[in-house]
Protein backbone atom coordinates (compact mmCIF):
# COMPACT_ATOMS: atom_id res chain seq x y z
CA UNK A 1 82.39 129.01 108.17
CA UNK A 2 79.92 126.57 106.38
CA UNK A 3 82.48 123.16 106.97
CA UNK A 4 85.18 122.08 109.10
CA UNK A 5 88.77 122.97 108.02
CA UNK A 6 90.44 120.65 105.64
CA UNK A 7 92.93 118.61 107.83
CA UNK A 8 96.58 118.59 106.38
CA UNK A 9 96.08 116.18 103.64
CA UNK A 10 98.73 112.65 104.39
CA UNK A 11 101.52 112.82 101.90
CA UNK A 12 101.74 108.96 101.21
CA UNK A 13 100.30 107.28 98.77
CA UNK A 14 99.49 103.81 100.42
CA UNK A 15 98.54 103.40 104.29
CA UNK A 16 101.49 102.65 106.45
CA UNK A 17 100.66 99.48 109.35
CA UNK A 18 102.21 100.13 112.56
CA UNK A 19 104.76 97.03 112.99
CA UNK A 20 107.20 97.62 115.68
CA UNK A 21 109.66 95.21 114.27
CA UNK A 22 113.42 94.31 114.59
CA UNK A 23 115.34 95.54 111.77
CA UNK A 24 119.52 95.49 110.54
CA UNK A 25 120.78 98.44 108.16
CA UNK A 26 123.24 95.90 106.07
CA UNK A 27 125.88 98.27 104.19
CA UNK A 28 127.10 96.98 100.61
CA UNK A 29 130.59 95.48 102.66
CA UNK A 30 128.07 93.10 104.66
CA UNK A 31 130.22 94.11 107.45
CA UNK A 32 129.03 97.63 108.59
CA UNK A 33 125.45 97.31 110.19
CA UNK A 34 122.83 99.31 112.45
CA UNK A 35 120.52 97.53 114.16
CA UNK A 36 117.23 99.60 114.25
CA UNK A 37 113.26 99.45 115.20
CA UNK A 38 110.99 98.87 112.04
CA UNK A 39 108.41 101.49 113.36
CA UNK A 40 105.97 101.22 110.36
CA UNK A 41 105.56 100.11 106.84
CA UNK A 42 103.82 99.45 102.83
CA UNK A 43 104.65 97.71 100.22
CA UNK A 44 106.73 100.82 99.16
CA UNK A 45 108.34 102.11 102.16
CA UNK A 46 109.10 102.21 106.25
CA UNK A 47 109.90 104.21 108.41
CA UNK A 48 112.75 103.22 110.93
CA UNK A 49 113.82 104.61 114.65
CA UNK A 50 118.09 104.96 114.23
CA UNK A 51 118.83 107.03 116.98
CA UNK A 52 119.97 110.17 117.77
CA UNK A 53 123.45 111.16 115.45
CA UNK A 54 123.21 107.81 113.75
CA UNK A 55 123.84 107.81 109.75
CA UNK A 56 122.68 105.26 107.17
CA UNK A 57 125.45 103.69 105.54
CA UNK A 58 125.65 104.03 101.86
CA UNK A 59 123.87 101.34 99.60
CA UNK A 60 122.47 99.84 102.94
CA UNK A 61 119.81 97.56 102.39
CA UNK A 62 116.92 96.92 105.54
CA UNK A 63 116.40 93.60 106.97
CA UNK A 64 112.92 92.78 108.26
CA UNK A 65 113.39 90.28 110.94
CA UNK A 66 109.45 89.62 111.14
CA UNK A 67 108.74 89.53 107.75
CA UNK A 68 112.12 87.41 106.54
CA UNK A 69 113.07 90.47 103.69
CA UNK A 70 115.60 92.57 103.02
CA UNK A 71 115.12 95.98 100.69
CA UNK A 72 117.10 97.95 98.56
CA UNK A 73 115.80 101.74 99.68
CA UNK A 74 116.57 105.49 99.09
CA UNK A 75 116.06 108.04 102.43
CA UNK A 76 113.17 110.22 101.89
CA UNK A 77 114.00 111.75 105.10
CA UNK A 78 115.98 111.42 108.45
CA UNK A 79 115.83 113.28 111.58
CA UNK A 80 114.95 113.21 115.30
CA UNK A 81 116.27 109.97 114.91
CA UNK A 82 114.57 108.21 113.07
CA UNK A 83 114.28 108.03 108.87
CA UNK A 84 111.62 107.21 106.39
CA UNK A 85 112.55 105.01 103.65
CA UNK A 86 111.22 103.80 100.44
CA UNK A 87 112.09 100.65 99.24
CA UNK A 88 113.39 100.28 95.37
CA UNK A 89 113.47 96.42 95.58
CA UNK A 90 112.37 93.57 97.83
CA UNK A 91 114.09 89.73 98.23
CA UNK A 92 112.26 87.68 100.16
CA UNK A 93 115.70 85.58 102.67
CA UNK A 94 114.99 82.10 101.56
CA UNK A 95 117.51 79.85 100.99
CA UNK A 96 117.58 79.91 97.21
CA UNK A 97 118.74 84.16 97.45
CA UNK A 98 121.27 84.75 95.17
CA UNK A 99 124.25 83.79 96.27
CA UNK A 100 125.92 87.58 96.30
CA UNK A 101 123.36 88.36 98.55
CA UNK A 102 124.04 85.46 101.27
CA UNK A 103 124.94 87.86 103.68
CA UNK A 104 121.59 89.41 104.21
CA UNK A 105 120.67 85.86 105.26
CA UNK A 106 123.46 85.38 107.39
CA UNK A 107 122.71 88.99 109.15
CA UNK A 108 119.09 88.23 109.40
CA UNK A 109 119.65 84.38 110.89
CA UNK A 110 122.26 86.58 113.57
CA UNK A 111 119.00 89.01 114.53
CA UNK A 112 116.45 86.39 114.47
CA UNK A 113 118.28 83.86 116.93
CA UNK A 114 118.67 86.46 119.66
């Protein structure tokens, strides 16, 4: 053997950074949510822990409490109480958010005050 065997190639396009931050998945109705842990992030996605048997609500947004952002996303994979998300759009949770997304700021404040 002349060289070392190739390691399994990384499927991600961007490096992720470990985060371990509080998060919340909030359904479009604003009333349904699941608290989660954000394990790592990149500019285009995140890996979260939601717990065994939990299902991500349809049309949900992910709130990153530490970064003060919310993300529209698609689920790339889900297994063993974790999920990989690809971000579609990111919203800063500032006081001048669009009115129809005001419920996200309320959820962020609820999480941040804990």
